[in-house]
């Protein structure tokens, strides 16, 4: 089980073509099912869209609006892996197709490929087995109907199409 008190789910996007803005979701949950073979493992997660936090309430409201996440119609982002591959002892590729309950500009299920690096394993002071993971990936906002673009005088856009995903996960083994 993902421990939300010791985990982070966020994303970053270029703003005005000159800087990167980092955002996070405060409410999420997840589960890792470790199989006897890596190919038998699965990862699941859910993010509550309304929990987006940019440290700017007007921007939070804008991201929750139909122009971006449309939190009223799509209150959750659901992740379910379709394939996990070992790249080496500590690095893994996690693939998933967009589930049908998410907004999509073209009705097509777009694949997301994540890279997961195991930070380590340890038994915590309460006797729980833990694993730490750093997970990164990229996606296109346009694939999910978020095509709001405003081009500036020098050709830069207010919000870039490419979004970098970043998760720092601490998970405990179920008893």
Protein backbone atom coordinates (compact mmCIF):
# COMPACT_ATOMS: atom_id res chain seq x y z
CA UNK A 1 0.00 0.00 0.00
CA UNK A 2 1.28 3.45 -0.85
CA UNK A 3 1.87 5.52 2.28
CA UNK A 4 0.51 8.99 1.40
CA UNK A 5 2.22 10.59 4.40
CA UNK A 6 5.59 9.67 2.92
CA UNK A 7 4.81 9.89 -0.79
CA UNK A 8 4.38 12.61 -3.41
CA UNK A 9 2.36 12.69 -6.65
CA UNK A 10 3.05 15.66 -8.87
CA UNK A 11 3.65 17.04 -12.31
CA UNK A 12 5.60 19.83 -13.95
CA UNK A 13 4.94 21.90 -17.04
CA UNK A 14 6.78 24.71 -18.82
CA UNK A 15 5.17 28.12 -18.25
CA UNK A 16 5.61 30.97 -20.75
CA UNK A 17 8.34 28.89 -22.38
CA UNK A 18 10.86 30.17 -19.83
CA UNK A 19 10.32 28.34 -16.53
CA UNK A 20 8.93 25.14 -15.10
CA UNK A 21 5.99 25.15 -12.69
CA UNK A 22 5.61 22.17 -10.34
CA UNK A 23 2.21 21.10 -9.02
CA UNK A 24 1.02 18.24 -6.84
CA UNK A 25 -2.02 16.26 -5.84
CA UNK A 26 -2.56 16.06 -2.08
CA UNK A 27 -5.06 13.16 -2.09
CA UNK A 28 -4.11 9.86 -3.68
CA UNK A 29 -3.86 6.16 -2.97
CA UNK A 30 -2.09 3.27 -4.61
CA UNK A 31 -1.21 -0.38 -4.45
CA UNK A 32 1.71 -2.37 -5.77
CA UNK A 33 1.18 -6.08 -6.33
CA UNK A 34 4.54 -7.81 -6.56
CA UNK A 35 4.37 -11.09 -8.46
CA UNK A 36 6.80 -13.99 -8.36
CA UNK A 37 8.04 -12.69 -11.71
CA UNK A 38 8.17 -9.00 -12.60
CA UNK A 39 5.79 -9.59 -15.51
CA UNK A 40 3.17 -10.74 -13.00
CA UNK A 41 3.39 -7.50 -10.98
CA UNK A 42 0.83 -4.70 -11.20
CA UNK A 43 0.53 -1.10 -10.05
CA UNK A 44 -2.73 0.72 -9.31
CA UNK A 45 -3.40 4.27 -8.24
CA UNK A 46 -6.09 6.89 -7.89
CA UNK A 47 -5.66 10.66 -7.63
CA UNK A 48 -8.45 12.99 -6.51
CA UNK A 49 -8.39 15.79 -9.07
CA UNK A 50 -9.87 18.40 -6.70
CA UNK A 51 -6.80 17.98 -4.48
CA UNK A 52 -4.50 19.66 -7.02
CA UNK A 53 -2.30 22.16 -5.20
CA UNK A 54 -0.22 24.78 -6.97
CA UNK A 55 0.15 27.11 -3.98
CA UNK A 56 -2.05 29.57 -5.89
CA UNK A 57 -5.81 29.23 -5.34
CA UNK A 58 -6.84 30.92 -8.61
CA UNK A 59 -4.59 28.57 -10.59
CA UNK A 60 -5.94 25.59 -8.63
CA UNK A 61 -9.49 26.60 -9.58
CA UNK A 62 -8.45 27.05 -13.23
CA UNK A 63 -6.89 23.56 -13.29
CA UNK A 64 -10.07 22.06 -11.82
CA UNK A 65 -12.18 23.76 -14.53
CA UNK A 66 -13.37 22.13 -17.79
CA UNK A 67 -10.46 23.85 -19.60
CA UNK A 68 -8.04 21.49 -17.88
CA UNK A 69 -8.88 18.56 -15.54
CA UNK A 70 -12.66 19.14 -15.38
CA UNK A 71 -12.82 17.86 -11.80
CA UNK A 72 -16.63 18.00 -11.71
CA UNK A 73 -16.99 15.53 -14.59
CA UNK A 74 -13.75 13.58 -13.97
CA UNK A 75 -13.17 13.62 -10.19
CA UNK A 76 -10.47 10.96 -10.26
CA UNK A 77 -7.50 10.00 -12.38
CA UNK A 78 -7.15 6.24 -12.28
CA UNK A 79 -3.98 4.36 -13.13
CA UNK A 80 -3.72 0.64 -13.75
CA UNK A 81 -0.57 -0.85 -15.23
CA UNK A 82 -0.85 -3.14 -18.22
CA UNK A 83 2.78 -4.29 -18.22
CA UNK A 84 5.81 -4.01 -15.95
CA UNK A 85 9.24 -4.84 -17.34
CA UNK A 86 12.56 -5.08 -15.50
CA UNK A 87 15.32 -3.03 -17.13
CA UNK A 88 17.84 -4.13 -14.50
CA UNK A 89 17.77 -4.92 -10.76
CA UNK A 90 16.55 -1.45 -9.74
CA UNK A 91 14.90 0.03 -12.84
CA UNK A 92 11.54 -0.85 -14.32
CA UNK A 93 9.30 0.29 -17.17
CA UNK A 94 5.61 0.53 -16.33
CA UNK A 95 3.11 0.80 -19.15
CA UNK A 96 -0.55 1.59 -19.06
CA UNK A 97 -3.32 2.57 -21.43
CA UNK A 98 -5.63 5.37 -20.47
CA UNK A 99 -8.75 3.94 -18.93
CA UNK A 100 -12.07 4.77 -20.62
CA UNK A 101 -13.33 6.94 -17.75
CA UNK A 102 -10.74 9.64 -18.42
CA UNK A 103 -11.23 12.54 -20.76
CA UNK A 104 -9.69 12.08 -24.17
CA UNK A 105 -9.58 14.50 -27.06
CA UNK A 106 -9.92 11.85 -29.72
CA UNK A 107 -11.57 8.90 -27.96
CA UNK A 108 -8.33 6.94 -28.36
CA UNK A 109 -6.61 5.23 -25.47
CA UNK A 110 -3.10 6.73 -25.23
CA UNK A 111 -0.28 4.74 -23.72
CA UNK A 112 1.75 6.20 -20.89
CA UNK A 113 5.19 4.79 -20.18
CA UNK A 114 6.69 5.41 -16.75
CA UNK A 115 10.19 4.73 -15.52
CA UNK A 116 10.45 3.45 -11.94
CA UNK A 117 13.68 3.31 -9.97
CA UNK A 118 13.78 1.40 -6.71
CA UNK A 119 15.33 3.61 -4.04
CA UNK A 120 15.65 0.74 -1.62
CA UNK A 121 13.88 -1.47 0.86
CA UNK A 122 13.90 -1.30 4.66
CA UNK A 123 11.98 -2.42 7.71
CA UNK A 124 10.60 0.68 9.46
CA UNK A 125 10.62 1.18 13.27
CA UNK A 126 7.11 -0.37 13.48
CA UNK A 127 8.15 -3.60 11.74
CA UNK A 128 6.66 -2.85 8.31
CA UNK A 129 8.54 -3.83 5.17
CA UNK A 130 8.89 -0.75 2.93
CA UNK A 131 10.02 -0.05 -0.58
CA UNK A 132 10.81 3.36 -2.03
CA UNK A 133 10.31 4.21 -5.70
CA UNK A 134 10.97 7.26 -7.85
CA UNK A 135 8.65 7.24 -10.85
CA UNK A 136 8.82 9.61 -13.83
CA UNK A 137 7.07 9.91 -17.18
CA UNK A 138 5.74 12.33 -19.78
CA UNK A 139 2.42 12.85 -21.47
CA UNK A 140 0.74 15.27 -23.83
CA UNK A 141 -2.03 17.48 -22.41
CA UNK A 142 -3.63 17.50 -25.86
CA UNK A 143 -4.18 13.74 -25.72
CA UNK A 144 -6.60 14.41 -22.85
CA UNK A 145 -8.50 17.30 -24.39
CA UNK A 146 -6.49 20.01 -22.62
CA UNK A 147 -5.74 22.03 -25.72
CA UNK A 148 -6.08 25.48 -24.21
CA UNK A 149 -3.17 27.38 -25.73
CA UNK A 150 -2.29 31.01 -25.88
CA UNK A 151 0.69 31.92 -28.01
CA UNK A 152 2.75 34.89 -26.88
CA UNK A 153 4.44 37.49 -29.07
CA UNK A 154 7.77 35.64 -29.23
CA UNK A 155 6.13 32.30 -30.13
CA UNK A 156 6.19 30.74 -26.66
CA UNK A 157 2.96 29.35 -25.23
CA UNK A 158 1.55 30.12 -21.79
CA UNK A 159 1.35 26.40 -20.86
CA UNK A 160 3.37 23.76 -22.73
CA UNK A 161 1.70 20.64 -24.10
CA UNK A 162 4.24 18.21 -22.59
CA UNK A 163 3.77 17.40 -18.90
CA UNK A 164 6.38 15.63 -16.79
CA UNK A 165 5.01 13.28 -14.14
CA UNK A 166 6.92 12.76 -10.89
CA UNK A 167 6.06 10.39 -8.06
CA UNK A 168 8.08 9.60 -4.96
CA UNK A 169 6.47 6.54 -3.43
CA UNK A 170 6.94 4.85 -0.10
CA UNK A 171 4.90 1.67 0.06
CA UNK A 172 4.40 -0.85 2.86
CA UNK A 173 3.77 -4.54 2.52
CA UNK A 174 0.32 -5.68 3.61
CA UNK A 175 0.29 -7.91 6.65
